[in-house]
């Protein structure tokens, strides 16, 4: 069921949502959290689609805050809230509220969203693009226990990591870090199988990849060695090499789908290491709402070596 409201208020949206739920017999007790997606019109479709897919694992109220620029000098056109409500089969396993904020109302997004949150449920804020420099101090970020950004959407993905480090607050995370979960798990398992002292390492990736830089910082932070950054044709991260006293541990992923794990004295093994979708990444982040101290430590680790060319 879909309901559209033009030039409305948060209280009217709440009433319309209640009426829509009653009409289809859909209670709110099954919603486990609030997912606030802050985006623009250009990225709204993909972001809402990813959030909707995520709700299959985490039933939630999705509140998409879409900030619009006014095109008319008339006040009604400049400052207003338009809303679209989706419940039932149109919203998957949760509820979707699309809020289009026009004019000066874009500066009051927190006041608009606050009355629409499911009470006593955690709040997660996600910026698919154009995240604030300090998410925890943003109006919407201040409402959330978990704040998700994506360095890859920035003009300079690697440089933005230093901005994220300077503004880090418990609850902050980034999809550039989430993309590394399979890599970190595989490398940790490899060192468990071959517990050899690591003397050096290298991360090879396409130029300017934030995940590759975070992976290098994580290795430097956890292993205490210098990690070379090597530029390749990609896609994304293509190879990680760990130099040990017993030989080289290597993970090769030239195509972004299947990787080869090479261990000293062992046969090569094929490992699934595909590039994951935004929905899969967000679903992973919603499984935990506490502070990610490992991410914070890796983020703040200063690069020990400049990037190298291929």
Protein backbone atom coordinates (compact mmCIF):
# COMPACT_ATOMS: atom_id res chain seq x y z
CA UNK A 1 0.00 0.00 0.00
CA UNK A 2 1.32 3.43 -0.96
CA UNK A 3 0.23 6.81 0.36
CA UNK A 4 1.48 10.15 -0.94
CA UNK A 5 1.34 13.40 1.03
CA UNK A 6 2.25 16.85 -0.35
CA UNK A 7 3.19 19.89 1.73
CA UNK A 8 2.72 17.92 4.93
CA UNK A 9 4.13 17.64 8.46
CA UNK A 10 5.64 14.89 10.58
CA UNK A 11 2.46 14.55 12.63
CA UNK A 12 0.35 14.12 9.50
CA UNK A 13 2.80 11.52 8.20
CA UNK A 14 2.51 9.63 11.50
CA UNK A 15 -1.28 9.64 11.30
CA UNK A 16 -1.24 8.50 7.68
CA UNK A 17 1.18 5.71 8.58
CA UNK A 18 -1.06 4.54 11.41
CA UNK A 19 -4.09 4.51 9.11
CA UNK A 20 -2.17 2.59 6.45
CA UNK A 21 -1.07 -0.05 8.97
CA UNK A 22 -4.61 -0.44 10.23
CA UNK A 23 -5.89 -0.80 6.67
CA UNK A 24 -3.62 -3.76 5.96
CA UNK A 25 -3.44 -5.11 9.52
CA UNK A 26 0.32 -4.58 9.84
CA UNK A 27 1.61 -3.88 13.40
CA UNK A 28 4.98 -2.28 14.22
CA UNK A 29 6.02 -4.82 16.87
CA UNK A 30 8.05 -6.80 14.33
CA UNK A 31 10.36 -3.89 13.50
CA UNK A 32 13.75 -4.26 15.16
CA UNK A 33 15.34 -0.92 14.25
CA UNK A 34 15.13 2.37 12.37
CA UNK A 35 17.30 2.78 9.27
CA UNK A 36 17.64 6.43 8.26
CA UNK A 37 19.00 6.77 4.72
CA UNK A 38 20.25 10.27 3.92
CA UNK A 39 20.59 10.77 0.20
CA UNK A 40 19.81 12.89 -2.82
CA UNK A 41 17.41 12.23 -5.67
CA UNK A 42 20.16 10.85 -7.90
CA UNK A 43 21.15 8.08 -5.48
CA UNK A 44 17.76 7.55 -3.83
CA UNK A 45 16.51 4.66 -5.98
CA UNK A 46 19.58 2.45 -5.51
CA UNK A 47 19.87 3.30 -1.81
CA UNK A 48 16.21 2.53 -1.05
CA UNK A 49 16.39 -0.69 -3.03
CA UNK A 50 19.46 -1.81 -1.06
CA UNK A 51 17.82 -0.86 2.24
CA UNK A 52 14.66 -2.73 1.28
CA UNK A 53 16.65 -5.88 0.51
CA UNK A 54 18.43 -5.51 3.84
CA UNK A 55 15.08 -5.42 5.65
CA UNK A 56 14.54 -9.09 4.77
CA UNK A 57 17.18 -9.93 7.35
CA UNK A 58 16.55 -6.94 9.64
CA UNK A 59 12.85 -5.89 9.59
CA UNK A 60 13.01 -2.14 10.06
CA UNK A 61 11.40 1.19 9.39
CA UNK A 62 13.34 2.75 6.53
CA UNK A 63 13.23 6.53 6.58
CA UNK A 64 14.76 7.96 3.41
CA UNK A 65 15.62 11.64 3.79
CA UNK A 66 15.92 13.14 0.31
CA UNK A 67 17.04 16.75 0.27
CA UNK A 68 15.77 18.81 -2.67
CA UNK A 69 16.71 22.25 -3.98
CA UNK A 70 13.82 24.66 -4.52
CA UNK A 71 13.18 25.92 -8.07
CA UNK A 72 10.53 28.51 -7.30
CA UNK A 73 10.52 31.75 -5.34
CA UNK A 74 7.10 30.97 -3.85
CA UNK A 75 7.36 29.95 -0.19
CA UNK A 76 5.08 26.94 -0.65
CA UNK A 77 7.48 25.68 -3.30
CA UNK A 78 10.61 26.52 -1.28
CA UNK A 79 10.00 25.15 2.20
CA UNK A 80 7.88 22.05 2.42
CA UNK A 81 7.83 18.34 3.18
CA UNK A 82 6.51 15.81 0.69
CA UNK A 83 6.18 12.21 1.83
CA UNK A 84 5.51 8.80 0.35
CA UNK A 85 4.58 5.92 2.65
CA UNK A 86 4.97 2.27 1.70
CA UNK A 87 3.66 -0.52 3.91
CA UNK A 88 2.73 -4.13 3.32
CA UNK A 89 3.83 -5.77 0.08
CA UNK A 90 5.20 -2.45 -1.23
CA UNK A 91 7.74 -2.30 1.61
CA UNK A 92 9.04 -5.85 1.90
CA UNK A 93 9.27 -6.94 5.52
CA UNK A 94 9.28 -3.45 7.03
CA UNK A 95 8.00 0.04 6.32
CA UNK A 96 9.41 2.70 4.01
CA UNK A 97 8.97 6.43 4.45
CA UNK A 98 10.30 8.66 1.68
CA UNK A 99 10.67 12.22 2.94
CA UNK A 100 11.51 14.90 0.39
CA UNK A 101 12.67 18.05 2.14
CA UNK A 102 12.58 21.29 0.20
CA UNK A 103 14.27 24.60 0.89
CA UNK A 104 15.15 25.63 4.44
CA UNK A 105 13.54 22.46 5.76
CA UNK A 106 16.66 20.57 4.65
CA UNK A 107 18.47 22.23 7.56
CA UNK A 108 15.90 20.86 10.03
CA UNK A 109 16.04 17.20 9.01
CA UNK A 110 16.54 16.01 12.57
CA UNK A 111 13.33 17.66 13.76
CA UNK A 112 11.41 16.13 10.86
CA UNK A 113 12.72 12.60 11.40
CA UNK A 114 12.64 12.39 15.21
CA UNK A 115 8.82 12.05 15.56
CA UNK A 116 8.79 9.31 12.90
CA UNK A 117 11.21 6.91 14.59
CA UNK A 118 9.91 3.63 15.99
CA UNK A 119 10.11 4.18 19.79
CA UNK A 120 12.61 2.15 21.82
CA UNK A 121 14.28 0.78 18.68
CA UNK A 122 17.92 1.44 17.73
CA UNK A 123 18.61 4.02 15.04
CA UNK A 124 21.14 3.53 12.25
CA UNK A 125 22.01 6.36 9.87
CA UNK A 126 23.47 5.63 6.43
CA UNK A 127 24.87 8.13 3.93
CA UNK A 128 25.33 6.38 0.54
CA UNK A 129 27.08 9.54 -0.71
CA UNK A 130 27.93 13.08 0.46
CA UNK A 131 28.37 12.12 4.11
CA UNK A 132 29.07 14.93 6.59
CA UNK A 133 32.64 15.49 7.72
CA UNK A 134 31.62 14.68 11.31
CA UNK A 135 28.71 12.19 11.20
CA UNK A 136 28.28 12.03 14.99
CA UNK A 137 27.64 15.80 15.15
CA UNK A 138 25.25 15.84 12.22
CA UNK A 139 21.56 16.36 13.08
CA UNK A 140 20.61 12.91 11.88
CA UNK A 141 23.84 11.26 12.99
CA UNK A 142 23.23 12.49 16.54
CA UNK A 143 20.00 10.43 16.61
CA UNK A 144 21.81 7.21 15.68
CA UNK A 145 23.70 4.55 17.60
CA UNK A 146 25.39 3.44 14.36
CA UNK A 147 26.53 5.77 11.57
CA UNK A 148 27.48 4.28 8.20
CA UNK A 149 29.41 6.21 5.56
CA UNK A 150 31.11 5.11 2.33
CA UNK A 151 34.55 6.50 1.55
CA UNK A 152 34.33 5.15 -2.00
CA UNK A 153 31.63 7.74 -2.76
CA UNK A 154 33.98 10.62 -1.91
CA UNK A 155 35.92 12.59 -4.53
CA UNK A 156 39.18 11.36 -2.96
CA UNK A 157 38.39 8.05 -1.21
CA UNK A 158 41.82 7.64 0.40
CA UNK A 159 42.14 11.22 1.63
CA UNK A 160 38.68 11.12 3.25
CA UNK A 161 39.92 8.38 5.60
CA UNK A 162 42.00 10.94 7.49
CA UNK A 163 38.90 13.12 7.86
CA UNK A 164 36.99 10.10 9.19
CA UNK A 165 39.82 9.37 11.62
CA UNK A 166 39.88 12.93 12.97
CA UNK A 167 36.11 12.96 13.54
CA UNK A 168 35.71 9.34 14.66
CA UNK A 169 33.19 8.65 17.42
CA UNK A 170 32.09 5.25 18.79
CA UNK A 171 29.40 3.93 16.46
CA UNK A 172 31.01 5.25 13.27
CA UNK A 173 31.82 2.79 10.49
CA UNK A 174 32.38 2.82 6.75
CA UNK A 175 31.44 0.44 3.97
CA UNK A 176 35.04 0.57 2.77
CA UNK A 177 35.83 -1.30 5.99
CA UNK A 178 32.86 -3.66 5.69
CA UNK A 179 34.06 -4.74 2.25
CA UNK A 180 37.21 -6.07 3.94
CA UNK A 181 35.53 -8.62 6.21
CA UNK A 182 36.18 -11.61 3.89
CA UNK A 183 39.75 -10.46 3.27
CA UNK A 184 40.50 -10.03 6.96
CA UNK A 185 38.93 -13.39 7.80
CA UNK A 186 40.92 -15.17 5.10
CA UNK A 187 44.24 -13.58 6.07
CA UNK A 188 43.67 -14.29 9.77
CA UNK A 189 42.84 -17.93 8.97
CA UNK A 190 45.98 -18.21 6.82
CA UNK A 191 48.16 -17.00 9.67
CA UNK A 192 46.41 -19.41 12.03
CA UNK A 193 47.36 -22.26 9.69
CA UNK A 194 50.90 -20.97 9.21
CA UNK A 195 51.80 -19.11 12.42
CA UNK A 196 55.01 -17.62 11.04
CA UNK A 197 56.52 -14.23 11.90
CA UNK A 198 55.56 -11.65 9.26
CA UNK A 199 58.42 -9.43 8.10
CA UNK A 200 56.65 -7.35 5.45
CA UNK A 201 53.51 -7.09 3.35
CA UNK A 202 51.96 -5.52 0.26
CA UNK A 203 48.41 -4.70 -0.81
CA UNK A 204 47.78 -4.45 -4.56
CA UNK A 205 44.69 -2.68 -5.87
CA UNK A 206 43.33 -0.18 -8.33
CA UNK A 207 44.57 3.36 -7.55
CA UNK A 208 42.71 5.37 -4.92
CA UNK A 209 40.84 2.45 -3.36
CA UNK A 210 39.81 3.23 0.22
CA UNK A 211 39.32 -0.43 1.17
CA UNK A 212 42.86 -1.26 0.05
CA UNK A 213 44.23 1.60 2.14
CA UNK A 214 42.25 0.46 5.18
CA UNK A 215 43.46 -3.10 4.68
CA UNK A 216 47.07 -1.89 4.56
CA UNK A 217 46.56 0.16 7.73
CA UNK A 218 44.95 -2.82 9.47
CA UNK A 219 47.92 -5.04 8.60
CA UNK A 220 50.35 -2.39 9.81
CA UNK A 221 48.38 -1.92 13.00
CA UNK A 222 48.00 -5.63 13.83
CA UNK A 223 51.32 -6.99 12.53
CA UNK A 224 53.60 -4.05 13.20
CA UNK A 225 55.24 -4.16 9.75
CA UNK A 226 55.46 -1.78 6.81
CA UNK A 227 52.91 -2.46 4.08
CA UNK A 228 53.57 -1.43 0.49
CA UNK A 229 50.69 -0.05 -1.57
CA UNK A 230 50.96 -1.23 -5.17
CA UNK A 231 48.73 0.12 -7.96
CA UNK A 232 47.23 -2.37 -10.44
CA UNK A 233 44.49 -2.34 -13.04
CA UNK A 234 41.98 -3.75 -10.52
CA UNK A 235 39.17 -4.46 -10.05
CA UNK A 236 39.41 -3.14 -6.48
CA UNK A 237 41.83 -5.25 -4.37
CA UNK A 238 43.62 -7.81 -6.53
CA UNK A 239 46.35 -9.27 -4.29
CA UNK A 240 47.71 -9.28 -0.74
CA UNK A 241 51.20 -10.59 0.02
CA UNK A 242 52.61 -11.39 3.46
CA UNK A 243 56.35 -12.03 3.65
CA UNK A 244 57.15 -14.51 6.42
CA UNK A 245 60.26 -16.26 7.67
CA UNK A 246 58.95 -19.48 6.08
CA UNK A 247 57.94 -18.09 2.69
CA UNK A 248 55.23 -15.94 1.13
CA UNK A 249 51.53 -16.08 2.05
CA UNK A 250 49.51 -14.71 -0.85
CA UNK A 251 45.89 -14.13 -1.78
CA UNK A 252 45.29 -13.47 -5.50
CA UNK A 253 41.90 -12.21 -6.71
CA UNK A 254 42.34 -10.96 -10.27
CA UNK A 255 38.67 -10.99 -11.30
CA UNK A 256 36.79 -9.85 -8.18
CA UNK A 257 35.07 -13.23 -7.77
CA UNK A 258 37.41 -16.13 -7.03
CA UNK A 259 40.68 -15.96 -5.09
CA UNK A 260 43.66 -18.27 -4.83
CA UNK A 261 45.21 -18.79 -1.40
CA UNK A 262 48.92 -19.64 -1.50
CA UNK A 263 50.58 -20.94 1.68
CA UNK A 264 54.19 -22.10 2.09
CA UNK A 265 54.43 -25.88 1.84
CA UNK A 266 50.72 -26.33 1.00
CA UNK A 267 48.84 -26.77 -2.28
CA UNK A 268 47.10 -23.72 -3.69
CA UNK A 269 43.41 -23.41 -2.82
CA UNK A 270 40.51 -21.65 -4.51
CA UNK A 271 38.38 -19.45 -2.24
CA UNK A 272 35.16 -17.57 -2.98
CA UNK A 273 35.88 -13.86 -2.48
CA UNK A 274 33.30 -12.00 -4.53
CA UNK A 275 32.59 -8.30 -4.53
CA UNK A 276 29.46 -7.88 -2.42
CA UNK A 277 26.42 -5.68 -3.04
CA UNK A 278 25.44 -2.66 -0.96
CA UNK A 279 22.52 -4.62 0.52
CA UNK A 280 24.88 -7.36 1.75
CA UNK A 281 27.23 -4.78 3.25
CA UNK A 282 24.46 -2.91 5.07
CA UNK A 283 22.99 -6.18 6.35
CA UNK A 284 26.37 -7.05 7.86
CA UNK A 285 26.66 -3.66 9.55
CA UNK A 286 23.21 -3.98 11.10
CA UNK A 287 24.23 -7.18 12.88
CA UNK A 288 26.19 -5.15 15.41
CA UNK A 289 25.48 -1.75 16.93
CA UNK A 290 28.42 -1.48 19.32
CA UNK A 291 31.62 0.43 18.68
CA UNK A 292 34.03 -1.23 16.25
CA UNK A 293 37.36 -0.70 18.02
CA UNK A 294 39.34 -2.62 15.39
CA UNK A 295 38.05 -0.28 12.68
CA UNK A 296 38.91 2.75 14.79
CA UNK A 297 42.43 1.49 15.41
CA UNK A 298 43.05 0.71 11.73
CA UNK A 299 41.56 4.03 10.63
CA UNK A 300 43.89 5.98 12.91
CA UNK A 301 47.00 4.02 11.91
CA UNK A 302 49.15 6.35 9.84
CA UNK A 303 50.53 4.95 6.56
CA UNK A 304 54.11 3.78 7.05
CA UNK A 305 55.02 3.80 3.36
CA UNK A 306 54.00 5.80 0.33
CA UNK A 307 52.08 4.20 -2.50
CA UNK A 308 54.05 2.49 -5.24
CA UNK A 309 53.22 2.33 -8.91
CA UNK A 310 52.60 -0.97 -10.64
